[in-house]
C-alpha atoms as a PDB file:
ATOM      1  CA  MET A   1      -2.772  75.227   0.048  1.00  0.00           C
ATOM      2  CA  HIS A   2      -5.701  75.786  -2.267  1.00  0.00           C
ATOM      3  CA  PRO A   3      -5.939  79.028  -4.271  1.00  0.00           C
ATOM      4  CA  GLU A   4      -7.205  81.825  -2.043  1.00  0.00           C
ATOM      5  CA  LYS A   5     -10.349  83.562  -3.259  1.00  0.00           C
ATOM      6  CA  ARG A   6     -10.848  86.004  -0.411  1.00  0.00           C
ATOM      7  CA  LYS A   7      -9.523  89.468  -1.215  1.00  0.00           C
ATOM      8  CA  GLU A   8      -9.825  90.788   2.353  1.00  0.00           C
ATOM      9  CA  GLU A   9      -7.003  90.536   4.853  1.00  0.00           C
ATOM     10  CA  ARG A  10      -7.272  87.390   6.983  1.00  0.00           C
ATOM     11  CA  ALA A  11      -6.561  87.203  10.678  1.00  0.00           C
ATOM     12  CA  SER A  12      -5.017  84.041  12.127  1.00  0.00           C
ATOM     13  CA  PHE A  13      -5.645  83.287  15.774  1.00  0.00           C
ATOM     14  CA  THR A  14      -3.191  81.939  18.297  1.00  0.00           C
ATOM     15  CA  ARG A  15      -5.723  82.652  21.048  1.00  0.00           C
ATOM     16  CA  GLN A  16      -8.968  80.826  20.382  1.00  0.00           C
ATOM     17  CA  PRO A  17     -12.422  82.134  21.378  1.00  0.00           C
ATOM     18  CA  ARG A  18     -13.025  82.103  25.120  1.00  0.00           C
ATOM     19  CA  GLY A  19     -16.705  81.255  24.692  1.00  0.00           C
ATOM     20  CA  LYS A  20     -18.535  78.377  23.049  1.00  0.00           C
ATOM     21  CA  LEU A  21     -18.366  78.344  19.251  1.00  0.00           C
ATOM     22  CA  GLN A  22     -20.391  75.918  17.146  1.00  0.00           C
ATOM     23  CA  VAL A  23     -21.763  75.514  13.646  1.00  0.00           C
ATOM     24  CA  LEU A  24     -25.507  74.893  13.408  1.00  0.00           C
ATOM     25  CA  ALA A  25     -26.194  72.857  10.285  1.00  0.00           C
ATOM     26  CA  GLY A  26     -29.777  71.768   9.794  1.00  0.00           C
ATOM     27  CA  ASP A  27     -30.875  69.636  12.730  1.00  0.00           C
ATOM     28  CA  HIS A  28     -27.368  69.033  14.094  1.00  0.00           C
ATOM     29  CA  SER A  29     -24.435  71.059  15.362  1.00  0.00           C
ATOM     30  CA  LEU A  30     -20.725  70.754  14.716  1.00  0.00           C
ATOM     31  CA  GLN A  31     -18.177  71.247  17.447  1.00  0.00           C
ATOM     32  CA  VAL A  32     -15.520  73.801  16.522  1.00  0.00           C
ATOM     33  CA  PHE A  33     -12.009  72.719  17.514  1.00  0.00           C
ATOM     34  CA  GLU A  34     -10.177  75.706  16.057  1.00  0.00           C
ATOM     35  CA  VAL A  35     -10.688  78.974  14.223  1.00  0.00           C
ATOM     36  CA  VAL A  36      -7.989  78.636  11.569  1.00  0.00           C
ATOM     37  CA  ASP A  37      -8.412  82.121  10.129  1.00  0.00           C
ATOM     38  CA  MET A  38     -11.040  84.770   9.485  1.00  0.00           C
ATOM     39  CA  SER A  39     -11.710  87.750   7.253  1.00  0.00           C
ATOM     40  CA  PRO A  40     -14.688  90.125   7.389  1.00  0.00           C
ATOM     41  CA  MET A  41     -16.535  87.956   4.837  1.00  0.00           C
ATOM     42  CA  GLY A  42     -15.316  84.428   5.577  1.00  0.00           C
ATOM     43  CA  ILE A  43     -14.030  82.024   8.175  1.00  0.00           C
ATOM     44  CA  ARG A  44     -12.126  78.734   8.074  1.00  0.00           C
ATOM     45  CA  LEU A  45     -12.876  76.301  10.902  1.00  0.00           C
ATOM     46  CA  ARG A  46     -11.609  72.923  12.085  1.00  0.00           C
ATOM     47  CA  VAL A  47     -14.720  70.971  13.135  1.00  0.00           C
ATOM     48  CA  ASP A  48     -15.696  67.475  14.285  1.00  0.00           C
ATOM     49  CA  ALA A  49     -17.943  66.566  11.316  1.00  0.00           C
ATOM     50  CA  GLN A  50     -18.241  67.516   7.669  1.00  0.00           C
ATOM     51  CA  ALA A  51     -20.712  70.115   6.423  1.00  0.00           C
ATOM     52  CA  GLY A  52     -21.819  69.883   2.810  1.00  0.00           C
ATOM     53  CA  VAL A  53     -20.733  72.379   0.178  1.00  0.00           C
ATOM     54  CA  GLY A  54     -23.611  74.776  -0.449  1.00  0.00           C
ATOM     55  CA  GLU A  55     -25.178  74.073   2.936  1.00  0.00           C
ATOM     56  CA  ASN A  56     -26.618  77.117   4.706  1.00  0.00           C
ATOM     57  CA  ILE A  57     -25.409  77.227   8.297  1.00  0.00           C
ATOM     58  CA  GLN A  58     -25.254  79.473  11.326  1.00  0.00           C
ATOM     59  CA  ILE A  59     -22.145  80.113  13.383  1.00  0.00           C
ATOM     60  CA  ARG A  60     -23.131  80.505  17.016  1.00  0.00           C
ATOM     61  CA  TYR A  61     -20.917  82.137  19.632  1.00  0.00           C
ATOM     62  CA  GLN A  62     -21.903  82.157  23.311  1.00  0.00           C
ATOM     63  CA  ALA A  63     -19.952  83.846  26.116  1.00  0.00           C
ATOM     64  CA  ASP A  64     -20.675  86.061  29.106  1.00  0.00           C
ATOM     65  CA  GLY A  65     -24.347  86.607  28.275  1.00  0.00           C
ATOM     66  CA  VAL A  66     -23.668  87.083  24.545  1.00  0.00           C
ATOM     67  CA  ASP A  67     -25.494  84.764  22.146  1.00  0.00           C
ATOM     68  CA  LEU A  68     -24.517  85.754  18.615  1.00  0.00           C
ATOM     69  CA  LYS A  69     -25.559  83.918  15.438  1.00  0.00           C
ATOM     70  CA  LEU A  70     -24.159  84.677  12.000  1.00  0.00           C
ATOM     71  CA  ASN A  71     -25.558  83.183   8.792  1.00  0.00           C
ATOM     72  CA  GLY A  72     -23.265  81.719   6.185  1.00  0.00           C
ATOM     73  CA  THR A  73     -22.806  79.144   3.456  1.00  0.00           C
ATOM     74  CA  VAL A  74     -20.222  76.365   3.308  1.00  0.00           C
ATOM     75  CA  ILE A  75     -18.261  77.109   0.139  1.00  0.00           C
ATOM     76  CA  TRP A  76     -15.735  74.268   0.460  1.00  0.00           C
ATOM     77  CA  ASN A  77     -14.811  71.466   2.799  1.00  0.00           C
ATOM     78  CA  SER A  78     -11.833  69.189   3.265  1.00  0.00           C
ATOM     79  CA  ASP A  79     -13.529  66.517   1.117  1.00  0.00           C
ATOM     80  CA  SER A  80     -14.113  68.880  -1.827  1.00  0.00           C
ATOM     81  CA  THR A  81     -10.674  70.510  -1.787  1.00  0.00           C
ATOM     82  CA  PRO A  82      -7.743  68.057  -1.766  1.00  0.00           C
ATOM     83  CA  ALA A  83      -5.252  70.618  -0.430  1.00  0.00           C
ATOM     84  CA  ALA A  84      -7.525  71.401   2.524  1.00  0.00           C
ATOM     85  CA  GLY A  85      -8.065  67.690   3.051  1.00  0.00           C
ATOM     86  CA  SER A  86      -4.357  67.289   3.679  1.00  0.00           C
ATOM     87  CA  ASP A  87      -4.695  69.796   6.561  1.00  0.00           C
ATOM     88  CA  ALA A  88      -7.437  67.718   8.196  1.00  0.00           C
ATOM     89  CA  SER A  89      -6.960  64.520  10.157  1.00  0.00           C
ATOM     90  CA  ARG A  90      -9.093  61.393  10.496  1.00  0.00           C
ATOM     91  CA  ASN A  91     -10.835  62.938  13.506  1.00  0.00           C
ATOM     92  CA  ASP A  92     -11.582  66.404  12.187  1.00  0.00           C
ATOM     93  CA  HIS A  93     -12.592  68.325   9.087  1.00  0.00           C
ATOM     94  CA  ILE A  94     -11.945  71.800   7.759  1.00  0.00           C
ATOM     95  CA  ILE A  95     -14.710  73.937   6.302  1.00  0.00           C
ATOM     96  CA  GLY A  96     -14.618  77.292   4.549  1.00  0.00           C
ATOM     97  CA  ILE A  97     -17.640  79.459   5.209  1.00  0.00           C
ATOM     98  CA  LYS A  98     -18.721  82.581   3.358  1.00  0.00           C
ATOM     99  CA  LEU A  99     -20.551  84.816   5.811  1.00  0.00           C
ATOM    100  CA  THR A 100     -23.779  86.471   4.696  1.00  0.00           C
ATOM    101  CA  SER A 101     -22.826  89.729   6.422  1.00  0.00           C
ATOM    102  CA  PRO A 102     -19.507  91.099   7.659  1.00  0.00           C
ATOM    103  CA  SER A 103     -18.218  89.251  10.688  1.00  0.00           C
ATOM    104  CA  LEU A 104     -18.815  90.592  14.173  1.00  0.00           C
ATOM    105  CA  LEU A 105     -17.105  87.591  15.751  1.00  0.00           C
ATOM    106  CA  GLN A 106     -13.659  89.204  15.760  1.00  0.00           C
ATOM    107  CA  ALA A 107     -14.891  91.796  18.244  1.00  0.00           C
ATOM    108  CA  PHE A 108     -15.492  89.134  20.874  1.00  0.00           C
ATOM    109  CA  TRP A 109     -11.966  87.716  21.219  1.00  0.00           C
END
């Protein structure tokens, strides 16, 4: 594992979100396969394509009439962090996102 920089307690999820979760990055979106863990200020996701370090993104969650978007910045990805790269496979990538504001996503699942 890479050195942890988040000071907040992280929640790991055995039950994944029941709605649709995606990362909006510029003019394309990334499919989220798994929420690896989350803290109030950050989230680690397993996704289908890489997002660049420093890229401003939105995390979008849709379920039961809820359409929530949270702003964030990719602070590392599985290409930039060798230890995280070992957690990814050829078909997926892992990204670490610093959220602009405290996460409301945890309230929805």
